[in-house]
């Protein structure tokens, strides 16, 4: 209950609206004495509003006639609003207008000014109106959440396991316990379940001006899934932080964590990234579903030549295989497939990763932890003292790591790693630019793979198209030999079908492999440019990203516009 100031009581007695005895009787009853006096007809609402508003110099307002701004209400904790008897109703720049039930509570104005960094402009309304307005907004938010949960039909329970203590089960079900956080728990459950059903790779929860925006990345493309009320953002973010064992009190610094969920008999790993942005904290959850992971190289869908190049490299006793490409291009999956192909009880395989994305039996996996002194370079030095045969380095990020990895490749170890470059030839110049001696680069590298993921046309609804002019196709990378026979190209059905989303379903890898020949090794030592190296590799039979994409378009696996979207011209 909000404590009514003595000045309010004095004004009412002074104006003759109540007596001391009636005030004491109302005060002895449960609840707000003002509300009791209004209810019993001792004082009239209009008279109360006029007297208190005039005495405090604050204009009265009828909240029933005011259109409330949801975004403004969400700027202050609703529990504080209930406790102190006020509601934010409008915000114009740095001026915050609030409706208060006690116009003489100057400490409230000071507190809000400090909390919101705004000038506070109060208006007056009696407590029942303030509480009714607050309840209406909170009930509205709850009903919106219930509608969202009904839409995604999140009825299953998720069994969450702590990544640090796998044996400890944490309840994470849609039922909730009726507490204050129940809507956020239900919503988190609904979002994660829907993402798993949609086979999403990432979940984005982003604060907007008035609503949240929840987006999934499915088959490499983002799409909006739902727009919950923004009032749920703090509780929803806190729920995710609790799952990932992060600091829920820290709201102004980035945080990263992880958790695991048991879903339909399989374990799914999640990586949570929290980033403070304008309007709150943005959460991005990377979904690592090992149930959808195929670790067979010959089942990846590579071109025959590319597959032979990779298999030749990983069958070598020593040297380096590099896989390059942007984030989310499938580099880690390709490397894990390579490891799976060569791992056996007779081979010692050790990895150093940030983070360990997929857990594999029979392989020693080392997570990078800079806070505890475990860096890529430091872990790699220790690994080389562990008598390894094959070493997987999650990513070469700096000269120190590159130098150790290349020396390991030259001293009897097979090293597999990734690098961020646009194509295979650019990887060589990138290593040289990092300060690695060209001779070391040319001597250590066996094969460089550049990878992208293209969207696969739905086999149920893809649409054959009339061929564009031959000159236009030749210009984008088709060869004269492609026109021998009956060439047929396809495009997605924009309306889709029950089996797909907008004509696409799933993705396939596009792999460019540069296998180091003696001629290419000499050119690296001579300091030739990236373009010269690429041209030589093409002359030796390398299939570029664009060419592999076109071959898949010819087979009807994807469309030409999709190939042009994800690959550069040769």
Protein backbone atom coordinates (compact mmCIF):
# COMPACT_ATOMS: atom_id res chain seq x y z
CA UNK A 1 0.00 0.00 0.00
CA UNK A 2 1.25 3.48 -0.78
CA UNK A 3 1.60 5.59 2.34
CA UNK A 4 -0.56 8.72 1.90
CA UNK A 5 1.28 11.84 3.06
CA UNK A 6 0.14 13.75 6.11
CA UNK A 7 -0.34 16.80 3.89
CA UNK A 8 -3.11 15.02 1.94
CA UNK A 9 -4.92 14.23 5.18
CA UNK A 10 -4.52 17.82 6.40
CA UNK A 11 -5.89 19.30 3.18
CA UNK A 12 -8.97 17.08 3.24
CA UNK A 13 -9.72 17.98 6.86
CA UNK A 14 -8.98 21.68 6.24
CA UNK A 15 -11.39 21.78 3.30
CA UNK A 16 -14.06 20.14 5.42
CA UNK A 17 -14.36 17.06 3.23
CA UNK A 18 -13.66 14.66 6.09
CA UNK A 19 -13.33 14.67 9.87
CA UNK A 20 -10.47 13.41 11.98
CA UNK A 21 -12.62 10.55 13.18
CA UNK A 22 -13.62 9.43 9.65
CA UNK A 23 -9.98 9.50 8.63
CA UNK A 24 -8.99 7.37 11.62
CA UNK A 25 -11.80 4.90 10.85
CA UNK A 26 -10.66 4.62 7.21
CA UNK A 27 -7.04 4.25 8.29
CA UNK A 28 -7.94 1.40 10.63
CA UNK A 29 -9.43 -0.59 7.76
CA UNK A 30 -7.28 -2.57 5.34
CA UNK A 31 -6.22 -0.84 2.14
CA UNK A 32 -5.85 2.78 1.12
CA UNK A 33 -7.87 5.20 3.35
CA UNK A 34 -8.54 7.48 0.40
CA UNK A 35 -10.01 4.59 -1.57
CA UNK A 36 -12.24 3.64 1.39
CA UNK A 37 -13.50 7.20 1.79
CA UNK A 38 -14.26 7.43 -1.92
CA UNK A 39 -16.03 4.09 -1.88
CA UNK A 40 -18.20 5.05 1.10
CA UNK A 41 -19.08 8.42 -0.41
CA UNK A 42 -17.39 10.45 2.34
CA UNK A 43 -15.57 12.42 -0.37
CA UNK A 44 -16.30 12.90 -4.05
CA UNK A 45 -13.73 12.02 -6.72
CA UNK A 46 -14.04 15.36 -8.51
CA UNK A 47 -13.59 17.32 -5.27
CA UNK A 48 -10.59 15.22 -4.27
CA UNK A 49 -8.88 15.72 -7.62
CA UNK A 50 -9.52 19.47 -7.61
CA UNK A 51 -8.31 20.13 -4.07
CA UNK A 52 -5.16 18.00 -4.20
CA UNK A 53 -4.23 19.11 -7.69
CA UNK A 54 -4.61 22.79 -6.74
CA UNK A 55 -2.67 22.41 -3.50
CA UNK A 56 0.23 20.59 -5.14
CA UNK A 57 0.26 22.75 -8.25
CA UNK A 58 -0.14 19.59 -10.34
CA UNK A 59 -2.92 19.22 -12.93
CA UNK A 60 -5.34 16.32 -12.40
CA UNK A 61 -5.92 13.80 -15.18
CA UNK A 62 -8.53 11.11 -15.85
CA UNK A 63 -6.48 8.07 -16.90
CA UNK A 64 -9.58 6.49 -18.40
CA UNK A 65 -9.43 9.15 -21.12
CA UNK A 66 -5.67 8.94 -21.73
CA UNK A 67 -4.14 6.75 -24.43
CA UNK A 68 -1.13 5.24 -22.71
CA UNK A 69 2.21 4.76 -24.50
CA UNK A 70 3.34 1.17 -23.90
CA UNK A 71 6.99 2.00 -24.68
CA UNK A 72 6.96 4.74 -22.02
CA UNK A 73 5.40 2.46 -19.39
CA UNK A 74 8.14 -0.10 -20.03
CA UNK A 75 10.89 2.40 -19.13
CA UNK A 76 10.21 1.79 -15.40
CA UNK A 77 9.91 -1.47 -13.48
CA UNK A 78 6.16 -2.23 -13.05
CA UNK A 79 6.79 -3.50 -9.51
CA UNK A 80 8.17 -0.08 -8.58
CA UNK A 81 5.11 1.54 -10.14
CA UNK A 82 2.82 -0.61 -7.98
CA UNK A 83 4.84 0.03 -4.85
CA UNK A 84 5.01 3.83 -5.23
CA UNK A 85 1.59 4.33 -6.86
CA UNK A 86 2.45 5.92 -10.22
CA UNK A 87 2.48 5.13 -13.93
CA UNK A 88 4.60 6.68 -16.74
CA UNK A 89 2.17 7.92 -19.41
CA UNK A 90 4.27 9.88 -21.95
CA UNK A 91 7.83 10.74 -22.84
CA UNK A 92 8.91 13.66 -25.02
CA UNK A 93 12.68 13.82 -25.42
CA UNK A 94 14.09 13.99 -21.89
CA UNK A 95 10.75 14.93 -20.28
CA UNK A 96 8.90 12.03 -18.62
CA UNK A 97 5.25 12.57 -17.68
CA UNK A 98 3.95 10.42 -14.83
CA UNK A 99 0.56 10.09 -13.19
CA UNK A 100 0.96 9.91 -9.39
CA UNK A 101 -1.50 8.99 -6.67
CA UNK A 102 0.32 11.11 -4.05
CA UNK A 103 1.24 14.50 -5.59
CA UNK A 104 3.36 15.43 -2.54
CA UNK A 105 5.80 12.50 -2.82
CA UNK A 106 8.79 14.63 -3.88
CA UNK A 107 11.21 11.81 -3.12
CA UNK A 108 9.58 9.79 -5.91
CA UNK A 109 10.26 12.59 -8.40
CA UNK A 110 13.91 12.71 -7.36
CA UNK A 111 14.28 8.93 -7.60
CA UNK A 112 12.74 8.80 -11.07
CA UNK A 113 14.87 11.68 -12.31
CA UNK A 114 17.98 9.80 -11.21
CA UNK A 115 16.81 6.43 -12.61
CA UNK A 116 15.58 7.64 -16.01
CA UNK A 117 17.90 10.60 -16.56
CA UNK A 118 14.77 12.60 -17.47
CA UNK A 119 13.01 15.69 -16.17
CA UNK A 120 9.89 14.42 -14.40
CA UNK A 121 6.56 16.16 -15.11
CA UNK A 122 3.88 14.88 -12.70
CA UNK A 123 0.13 14.85 -13.16
CA UNK A 124 -2.33 13.68 -10.54
CA UNK A 125 -4.75 10.76 -10.52
CA UNK A 126 -6.14 8.77 -7.63
CA UNK A 127 -4.71 5.38 -6.80
CA UNK A 128 -7.52 3.20 -8.16
CA UNK A 129 -7.09 4.71 -11.62
CA UNK A 130 -3.32 4.27 -11.51
CA UNK A 131 -3.59 0.64 -10.42
CA UNK A 132 -6.28 -0.08 -13.03
CA UNK A 133 -4.09 1.41 -15.79
CA UNK A 134 -1.09 -0.64 -14.66
CA UNK A 135 -3.10 -3.87 -14.46
CA UNK A 136 -4.55 -3.27 -17.92
CA UNK A 137 -1.12 -2.96 -19.48
CA UNK A 138 0.31 -5.98 -17.62
CA UNK A 139 -2.72 -8.12 -18.49
CA UNK A 140 -2.39 -7.05 -22.10
CA UNK A 141 1.26 -8.14 -22.16
CA UNK A 142 0.37 -11.49 -20.57
CA UNK A 143 -2.41 -12.11 -23.10
CA UNK A 144 -0.02 -11.35 -25.97
CA UNK A 145 2.47 -13.85 -24.57
CA UNK A 146 -0.25 -16.49 -24.22
CA UNK A 147 -1.29 -15.93 -27.82
CA UNK A 148 2.30 -16.30 -29.02
CA UNK A 149 2.78 -19.50 -27.04
CA UNK A 150 -0.50 -20.89 -28.38
CA UNK A 151 0.66 -20.09 -31.93
CA UNK A 152 3.91 -22.04 -31.64
CA UNK A 153 2.20 -24.82 -29.63
CA UNK A 154 5.12 -25.20 -27.22
CA UNK A 155 3.75 -28.12 -25.28
CA UNK A 156 6.83 -30.29 -24.85
CA UNK A 157 9.19 -30.12 -21.91
CA UNK A 158 12.86 -29.40 -22.46
CA UNK A 159 15.41 -31.13 -20.27
CA UNK A 160 18.24 -28.63 -19.81
CA UNK A 161 21.64 -29.82 -18.68
CA UNK A 162 24.34 -27.63 -17.24
CA UNK A 163 27.33 -27.67 -19.56
CA UNK A 164 29.64 -27.68 -16.55
CA UNK A 165 27.79 -30.45 -14.68
CA UNK A 166 26.04 -32.67 -17.17
CA UNK A 167 24.45 -34.85 -14.50
CA UNK A 168 22.48 -31.94 -13.03
CA UNK A 169 19.05 -31.52 -14.63
CA UNK A 170 17.38 -28.11 -14.59
CA UNK A 171 13.63 -27.86 -15.06
CA UNK A 172 12.73 -25.92 -18.21
CA UNK A 173 9.15 -26.62 -19.09
CA UNK A 174 6.27 -24.64 -20.51
CA UNK A 175 4.14 -25.15 -17.43
CA UNK A 176 5.93 -22.61 -15.23
CA UNK A 177 5.27 -22.19 -11.54
CA UNK A 178 3.04 -19.16 -11.63
CA UNK A 179 5.81 -16.85 -10.45
CA UNK A 180 6.67 -13.43 -11.81
CA UNK A 181 9.01 -14.93 -14.39
CA UNK A 182 6.53 -17.55 -15.65
CA UNK A 183 5.69 -15.63 -18.87
CA UNK A 184 9.40 -15.27 -19.69
CA UNK A 185 10.04 -18.94 -18.97
CA UNK A 186 7.15 -19.97 -21.21
CA UNK A 187 8.28 -17.61 -23.95
CA UNK A 188 11.90 -18.83 -23.83
CA UNK A 189 10.60 -22.39 -24.03
CA UNK A 190 8.36 -21.54 -27.00
CA UNK A 191 11.12 -19.74 -28.92
CA UNK A 192 13.68 -22.53 -28.49
CA UNK A 193 11.19 -25.27 -29.37
CA UNK A 194 10.04 -23.46 -32.49
CA UNK A 195 13.65 -22.91 -33.56
CA UNK A 196 14.37 -26.62 -33.20
CA UNK A 197 11.27 -27.53 -35.19
CA UNK A 198 12.15 -25.04 -37.94
CA UNK A 199 15.75 -26.35 -38.01
CA UNK A 200 17.07 -22.83 -37.41
CA UNK A 201 20.80 -22.27 -36.99
CA UNK A 202 20.49 -19.03 -34.99
CA UNK A 203 17.93 -17.21 -32.84
CA UNK A 204 18.03 -13.39 -32.65
CA UNK A 205 16.09 -11.59 -29.88
CA UNK A 206 16.32 -7.86 -30.53
CA UNK A 207 14.84 -4.90 -28.60
CA UNK A 208 12.77 -2.51 -30.69
CA UNK A 209 11.14 0.77 -29.77
CA UNK A 210 7.86 -0.78 -28.60
CA UNK A 211 8.25 -4.52 -29.17
CA UNK A 212 10.84 -7.23 -29.30
CA UNK A 213 11.71 -8.82 -32.61
CA UNK A 214 12.46 -12.54 -32.62
CA UNK A 215 14.12 -13.76 -35.81
CA UNK A 216 15.38 -17.17 -36.88
CA UNK A 217 18.10 -17.88 -39.43
CA UNK A 218 16.82 -20.79 -41.48
CA UNK A 219 18.81 -22.04 -44.47
CA UNK A 220 21.06 -19.00 -44.16
CA UNK A 221 18.27 -16.40 -44.41
CA UNK A 222 16.74 -14.38 -41.58
CA UNK A 223 13.00 -14.20 -41.04
CA UNK A 224 10.81 -12.66 -38.34
CA UNK A 225 8.98 -15.20 -36.18
CA UNK A 226 7.20 -13.17 -33.50
CA UNK A 227 7.05 -9.75 -31.83
CA UNK A 228 6.46 -10.12 -28.04
CA UNK A 229 5.87 -7.02 -25.87
CA UNK A 230 9.06 -5.23 -24.93
CA UNK A 231 8.14 -5.40 -21.24
CA UNK A 232 9.28 -9.05 -21.32
CA UNK A 233 12.84 -8.23 -22.42
CA UNK A 234 14.49 -8.01 -18.95
CA UNK A 235 12.89 -11.23 -17.69
CA UNK A 236 13.48 -13.10 -20.97
CA UNK A 237 17.15 -12.05 -21.09
CA UNK A 238 17.60 -12.98 -17.44
CA UNK A 239 16.10 -16.41 -18.12
CA UNK A 240 18.57 -17.04 -20.93
CA UNK A 241 21.46 -15.81 -18.75
CA UNK A 242 20.44 -18.21 -15.99
CA UNK A 243 20.46 -21.12 -18.44
CA UNK A 244 23.96 -20.16 -19.63
CA UNK A 245 25.30 -19.41 -16.11
CA UNK A 246 25.90 -15.72 -16.85
CA UNK A 247 25.69 -12.68 -14.55
CA UNK A 248 22.06 -11.48 -14.63
CA UNK A 249 22.98 -8.24 -12.85
CA UNK A 250 25.45 -7.21 -15.60
CA UNK A 251 23.56 -5.30 -18.31
CA UNK A 252 26.21 -3.02 -19.77
CA UNK A 253 28.89 -5.44 -20.98
CA UNK A 254 28.86 -8.25 -23.57
CA UNK A 255 28.61 -11.79 -22.20
CA UNK A 256 28.96 -15.25 -23.74
CA UNK A 257 27.79 -18.57 -22.39
CA UNK A 258 26.45 -21.99 -23.33
CA UNK A 259 23.93 -24.61 -22.29
CA UNK A 260 22.69 -28.00 -23.48
CA UNK A 261 19.17 -29.33 -23.99
CA UNK A 262 17.88 -32.85 -24.27
CA UNK A 263 15.29 -32.80 -27.06
CA UNK A 264 13.58 -35.80 -28.67
CA UNK A 265 16.27 -38.18 -27.46
CA UNK A 266 19.25 -36.15 -28.66
CA UNK A 267 21.47 -33.51 -27.10
CA UNK A 268 21.48 -30.02 -28.63
CA UNK A 269 24.18 -27.47 -27.75
CA UNK A 270 23.41 -23.76 -27.57
CA UNK A 271 25.83 -20.82 -27.58
CA UNK A 272 24.42 -17.59 -26.11
CA UNK A 273 25.83 -14.15 -26.88
CA UNK A 274 24.50 -11.07 -25.04
CA UNK A 275 25.28 -7.62 -26.49
CA UNK A 276 24.12 -4.27 -25.02
CA UNK A 277 22.46 -2.21 -27.77
CA UNK A 278 20.22 0.86 -27.91
CA UNK A 279 16.99 -0.11 -26.19
CA UNK A 280 18.31 -2.99 -24.08
CA UNK A 281 20.28 -6.20 -24.58
CA UNK A 282 20.28 -8.24 -27.79
CA UNK A 283 20.55 -12.01 -27.45
CA UNK A 284 21.81 -14.30 -30.20
CA UNK A 285 21.66 -18.07 -29.70
CA UNK A 286 23.65 -20.35 -32.02
CA UNK A 287 22.08 -23.81 -32.25
CA UNK A 288 24.50 -26.70 -32.68
CA UNK A 289 22.27 -29.68 -33.32
CA UNK A 290 24.47 -32.76 -33.59
CA UNK A 291 21.37 -34.76 -34.56
CA UNK A 292 21.46 -33.02 -37.94
CA UNK A 293 25.21 -33.45 -38.40
CA UNK A 294 26.54 -35.85 -41.01
CA UNK A 295 30.22 -36.61 -40.57
CA UNK A 296 30.71 -38.57 -43.78
CA UNK A 297 32.88 -36.74 -46.29
CA UNK A 298 31.37 -38.66 -49.18
CA UNK A 299 27.90 -37.66 -47.98
CA UNK A 300 28.56 -33.92 -47.89
CA UNK A 301 27.71 -33.32 -51.53
CA UNK A 302 31.15 -32.16 -52.70
CA UNK A 303 32.20 -32.32 -56.35
CA UNK A 304 34.21 -35.46 -57.14
CA UNK A 305 37.41 -33.49 -57.76
CA UNK A 306 37.00 -31.47 -54.57
CA UNK A 307 36.38 -34.63 -52.58
CA UNK A 308 39.50 -36.27 -54.01
CA UNK A 309 41.61 -33.21 -53.16
CA UNK A 310 40.41 -33.25 -49.55
CA UNK A 311 40.85 -37.01 -49.14
CA UNK A 312 44.35 -36.82 -50.59
CA UNK A 313 45.28 -34.08 -48.09
CA UNK A 314 43.95 -35.82 -44.97
CA UNK A 315 45.62 -39.10 -45.94
CA UNK A 316 49.04 -37.40 -45.87
CA UNK A 317 51.22 -38.09 -42.82
CA UNK A 318 51.95 -34.39 -42.29
CA UNK A 319 51.12 -30.98 -43.72
CA UNK A 320 48.25 -28.52 -43.43
CA UNK A 321 44.66 -28.45 -44.70
CA UNK A 322 42.92 -25.07 -44.43
CA UNK A 323 39.19 -24.40 -44.82
CA UNK A 324 38.23 -20.76 -45.39
CA UNK A 325 35.03 -18.79 -45.59
CA UNK A 326 32.78 -16.43 -43.63
CA UNK A 327 31.04 -17.27 -40.35
CA UNK A 328 28.30 -19.83 -40.87
CA UNK A 329 29.67 -21.26 -44.10
CA UNK A 330 30.09 -24.81 -42.74
CA UNK A 331 33.86 -24.74 -42.15
CA UNK A 332 33.66 -26.51 -38.79
CA UNK A 333 31.39 -29.24 -40.17
CA UNK A 334 33.86 -29.92 -42.97
CA UNK A 335 36.78 -30.11 -40.53
CA UNK A 336 34.88 -32.43 -38.18
CA UNK A 337 34.07 -34.64 -41.17
CA UNK A 338 37.77 -34.76 -42.02
CA UNK A 339 38.62 -35.69 -38.45
CA UNK A 340 35.92 -38.36 -38.41
CA UNK A 341 37.35 -39.83 -41.61
CA UNK A 342 40.85 -40.27 -40.20
CA UNK A 343 40.19 -40.87 -36.49
CA UNK A 344 40.87 -44.36 -35.17
CA UNK A 345 42.25 -46.01 -32.01
CA UNK A 346 45.70 -46.02 -33.66
CA UNK A 347 45.68 -42.23 -34.19
CA UNK A 348 46.00 -39.51 -31.53
CA UNK A 349 43.71 -36.62 -32.53
CA UNK A 350 43.61 -33.43 -30.45
CA UNK A 351 41.65 -30.24 -31.13
CA UNK A 352 41.77 -26.71 -29.72
CA UNK A 353 38.55 -24.80 -30.32
CA UNK A 354 36.67 -21.66 -29.29
CA UNK A 355 34.17 -22.97 -28.41
CA UNK A 356 34.02 -26.76 -28.75
CA UNK A 357 31.05 -26.89 -31.12
CA UNK A 358 30.49 -30.65 -31.45
CA UNK A 359 31.69 -33.28 -29.02
CA UNK A 360 33.21 -36.40 -30.55
CA UNK A 361 34.09 -39.63 -28.79
CA UNK A 362 37.69 -40.77 -28.96
CA UNK A 363 39.05 -37.27 -29.63
CA UNK A 364 40.74 -34.94 -27.14
CA UNK A 365 39.03 -31.55 -27.41
CA UNK A 366 40.53 -28.49 -25.68
CA UNK A 367 38.30 -25.40 -25.20
CA UNK A 368 39.98 -22.01 -25.46
CA UNK A 369 39.55 -19.91 -22.30
CA UNK A 370 41.56 -16.64 -22.41
CA UNK A 371 40.36 -15.66 -18.90
CA UNK A 372 42.17 -18.71 -17.55
CA UNK A 373 45.19 -18.30 -19.82
CA UNK A 374 44.24 -20.91 -22.42
CA UNK A 375 44.72 -19.28 -25.83
CA UNK A 376 44.98 -20.90 -29.26
CA UNK A 377 48.74 -20.42 -29.31
CA UNK A 378 49.27 -21.53 -25.70
CA UNK A 379 47.07 -24.61 -26.06
CA UNK A 380 48.72 -25.52 -29.35
CA UNK A 381 52.17 -25.47 -27.74
CA UNK A 382 50.96 -27.84 -25.02
CA UNK A 383 49.22 -30.10 -27.53
CA UNK A 384 52.46 -30.57 -29.44
CA UNK A 385 53.97 -31.99 -26.25
CA UNK A 386 51.10 -34.52 -26.05
CA UNK A 387 52.42 -36.68 -28.92
CA UNK A 388 49.60 -35.89 -31.39
CA UNK A 389 49.26 -37.31 -34.89
CA UNK A 390 46.51 -34.94 -36.03
CA UNK A 391 45.82 -31.47 -34.64
CA UNK A 392 42.69 -29.44 -35.35
CA UNK A 393 43.02 -25.71 -34.64
CA UNK A 394 39.59 -24.07 -34.57
CA UNK A 395 40.81 -20.85 -36.16
CA UNK A 396 44.09 -19.16 -37.04
CA UNK A 397 43.60 -15.63 -35.74
CA UNK A 398 47.10 -14.22 -35.37
CA UNK A 399 50.72 -14.62 -36.46
CA UNK A 400 51.70 -16.54 -33.31
CA UNK A 401 49.08 -19.24 -33.86
CA UNK A 402 49.83 -19.40 -37.59
CA UNK A 403 53.55 -19.76 -36.95
CA UNK A 404 53.11 -22.61 -34.45
CA UNK A 405 50.58 -24.40 -36.67
CA UNK A 406 52.81 -24.24 -39.75
CA UNK A 407 55.86 -25.43 -37.84
CA UNK A 408 53.78 -28.33 -36.50
CA UNK A 409 52.79 -29.20 -40.07
CA UNK A 410 56.44 -29.23 -41.06
CA UNK A 411 57.50 -31.47 -38.18
CA UNK A 412 55.43 -34.57 -38.75
CA UNK A 413 51.87 -33.51 -37.80
CA UNK A 414 48.73 -33.26 -39.91
CA UNK A 415 47.19 -29.87 -39.04
CA UNK A 416 43.60 -28.91 -39.89
CA UNK A 417 42.40 -25.34 -39.39
CA UNK A 418 40.25 -22.45 -40.64
CA UNK A 419 40.93 -18.92 -41.78
CA UNK A 420 38.70 -16.04 -42.82
CA UNK A 421 39.41 -15.22 -46.47
CA UNK A 422 37.27 -14.81 -49.59
CA UNK A 423 38.72 -17.64 -51.67
CA UNK A 424 41.43 -20.30 -51.65
CA UNK A 425 44.14 -18.26 -53.37
CA UNK A 426 43.65 -15.32 -51.00
CA UNK A 427 44.56 -17.61 -48.09
CA UNK A 428 48.17 -17.82 -49.24
CA UNK A 429 48.62 -14.05 -49.47
CA UNK A 430 46.81 -13.66 -46.13
CA UNK A 431 49.34 -15.91 -44.37
CA UNK A 432 52.22 -14.04 -45.97
CA UNK A 433 50.69 -10.72 -44.91
CA UNK A 434 50.50 -12.06 -41.35
CA UNK A 435 54.30 -12.36 -41.40
CA UNK A 436 54.76 -16.04 -42.28
CA UNK A 437 57.73 -16.72 -44.54
CA UNK A 438 56.56 -17.63 -48.10
CA UNK A 439 58.83 -20.67 -48.12
CA UNK A 440 57.17 -21.96 -44.90
CA UNK A 441 53.73 -21.42 -46.45
CA UNK A 442 54.58 -23.23 -49.67
CA UNK A 443 56.22 -26.13 -47.84
CA UNK A 444 53.50 -26.76 -45.28
CA UNK A 445 50.17 -26.38 -47.11
CA UNK A 446 48.67 -29.44 -48.77
CA UNK A 447 45.26 -28.12 -49.76
CA UNK A 448 43.15 -24.99 -49.25
CA UNK A 449 39.34 -25.19 -49.35
CA UNK A 450 37.05 -22.19 -49.71
CA UNK A 451 33.49 -22.98 -48.71
CA UNK A 452 30.01 -21.45 -48.96
CA UNK A 453 26.53 -22.80 -48.28
CA UNK A 454 23.86 -22.42 -50.95
CA UNK A 455 20.12 -22.85 -50.55
CA UNK A 456 18.69 -26.00 -52.06
CA UNK A 457 15.60 -25.80 -54.26
CA UNK A 458 12.58 -27.70 -52.99
CA UNK A 459 12.23 -30.84 -55.09
CA UNK A 460 8.44 -30.73 -54.75
CA UNK A 461 7.73 -27.26 -56.11
CA UNK A 462 10.75 -25.93 -58.04
CA UNK A 463 9.76 -24.30 -61.31
CA UNK A 464 11.54 -24.76 -64.69
CA UNK A 465 12.38 -21.48 -66.39
CA UNK A 466 12.91 -20.33 -69.95
CA UNK A 467 16.65 -20.07 -70.57
CA UNK A 468 18.11 -16.55 -70.59
CA UNK A 469 20.18 -15.52 -73.65
CA UNK A 470 23.31 -17.65 -74.04
CA UNK A 471 25.60 -14.59 -73.90
CA UNK A 472 24.17 -13.65 -70.53
CA UNK A 473 24.84 -17.12 -69.11
CA UNK A 474 28.38 -17.18 -70.53
CA UNK A 475 29.03 -13.82 -68.89
CA UNK A 476 28.19 -15.11 -65.40
CA UNK A 477 30.39 -18.23 -65.70
CA UNK A 478 28.70 -20.86 -67.88
CA UNK A 479 30.94 -22.70 -70.38
CA UNK A 480 30.17 -23.58 -74.00
CA UNK A 481 30.15 -27.25 -73.02
CA UNK A 482 27.26 -26.60 -70.63
CA UNK A 483 24.95 -26.04 -73.58
CA UNK A 484 25.55 -29.50 -75.05
CA UNK A 485 22.37 -31.50 -74.68
CA UNK A 486 19.18 -30.28 -73.01
CA UNK A 487 20.08 -27.56 -70.53
CA UNK A 488 17.28 -26.89 -68.05
CA UNK A 489 17.42 -24.37 -65.20
CA UNK A 490 15.02 -23.93 -62.31
CA UNK A 491 13.83 -21.22 -59.95
CA UNK A 492 12.08 -21.39 -56.55
CA UNK A 493 8.32 -21.19 -56.26
CA UNK A 494 7.90 -17.95 -54.25
CA UNK A 495 4.69 -19.27 -52.70
CA UNK A 496 6.45 -22.42 -51.55
CA UNK A 497 4.64 -25.60 -50.57
CA UNK A 498 4.03 -27.63 -47.38
CA UNK A 499 7.55 -29.07 -47.69
CA UNK A 500 9.56 -25.81 -47.89
CA UNK A 501 9.88 -22.10 -47.19
CA UNK A 502 9.49 -19.86 -50.26
CA UNK A 503 10.73 -22.58 -52.59
CA UNK A 504 13.91 -23.55 -50.71
CA UNK A 505 14.54 -26.40 -48.29
CA UNK A 506 17.94 -27.08 -46.75
CA UNK A 507 21.41 -26.10 -47.89
CA UNK A 508 24.32 -27.72 -49.70
CA UNK A 509 28.08 -26.96 -49.63
CA UNK A 510 29.95 -25.25 -52.44
CA UNK A 511 33.63 -26.14 -52.11
CA UNK A 512 36.60 -24.69 -54.00
CA UNK A 513 39.79 -26.72 -53.48
CA UNK A 514 43.27 -25.48 -54.31
CA UNK A 515 45.65 -28.45 -54.17
CA UNK A 516 49.27 -27.30 -53.97
CA UNK A 517 51.34 -28.39 -56.99
CA UNK A 518 55.07 -27.92 -57.49
CA UNK A 519 54.39 -25.03 -59.85
CA UNK A 520 52.13 -23.30 -57.30
CA UNK A 521 54.71 -23.81 -54.54
CA UNK A 522 57.38 -22.07 -56.68
CA UNK A 523 54.99 -19.19 -57.41
CA UNK A 524 54.32 -18.71 -53.67
CA UNK A 525 58.07 -18.52 -52.95
CA UNK A 526 58.43 -16.05 -55.84
CA UNK A 527 55.80 -13.82 -54.24
CA UNK A 528 53.24 -13.99 -57.06
CA UNK A 529 49.92 -12.19 -56.62
CA UNK A 530 46.64 -13.79 -55.58
CA UNK A 531 45.22 -13.43 -59.10
CA UNK A 532 48.24 -15.16 -60.64
CA UNK A 533 47.98 -18.01 -58.15
CA UNK A 534 44.25 -18.41 -58.83
CA UNK A 535 44.72 -18.41 -62.60
CA UNK A 536 47.42 -21.10 -62.34
CA UNK A 537 45.19 -23.23 -60.10
CA UNK A 538 42.32 -22.93 -62.60
CA UNK A 539 44.67 -23.96 -65.41
CA UNK A 540 45.54 -27.03 -63.31
CA UNK A 541 41.85 -27.95 -63.00
CA UNK A 542 40.63 -26.15 -59.88
CA UNK A 543 36.84 -25.70 -59.74
CA UNK A 544 36.09 -22.23 -58.39
CA UNK A 545 33.19 -21.39 -56.08
CA UNK A 546 31.29 -19.84 -58.99
CA UNK A 547 31.89 -22.87 -61.22
CA UNK A 548 30.78 -25.36 -58.54
CA UNK A 549 27.67 -23.29 -57.96
CA UNK A 550 26.83 -23.27 -61.67
CA UNK A 551 27.28 -27.04 -61.88
CA UNK A 552 24.72 -27.40 -59.10
CA UNK A 553 22.35 -25.03 -60.88
CA UNK A 554 22.66 -27.16 -64.04
CA UNK A 555 21.75 -30.24 -61.98
CA UNK A 556 18.65 -28.47 -60.67
CA UNK A 557 19.90 -28.39 -57.08
CA UNK A 558 19.80 -24.59 -56.84
CA UNK A 559 19.02 -21.52 -58.95
CA UNK A 560 21.39 -19.25 -60.86
CA UNK A 561 20.43 -16.13 -58.82
CA UNK A 562 21.27 -18.05 -55.64
CA UNK A 563 24.71 -18.93 -57.06
CA UNK A 564 25.32 -15.29 -58.01
CA UNK A 565 24.27 -14.21 -54.51
CA UNK A 566 26.87 -16.26 -52.66
CA UNK A 567 29.83 -16.37 -55.08
CA UNK A 568 32.04 -13.80 -56.78
CA UNK A 569 32.83 -13.68 -60.49
CA UNK A 570 36.00 -15.48 -61.53
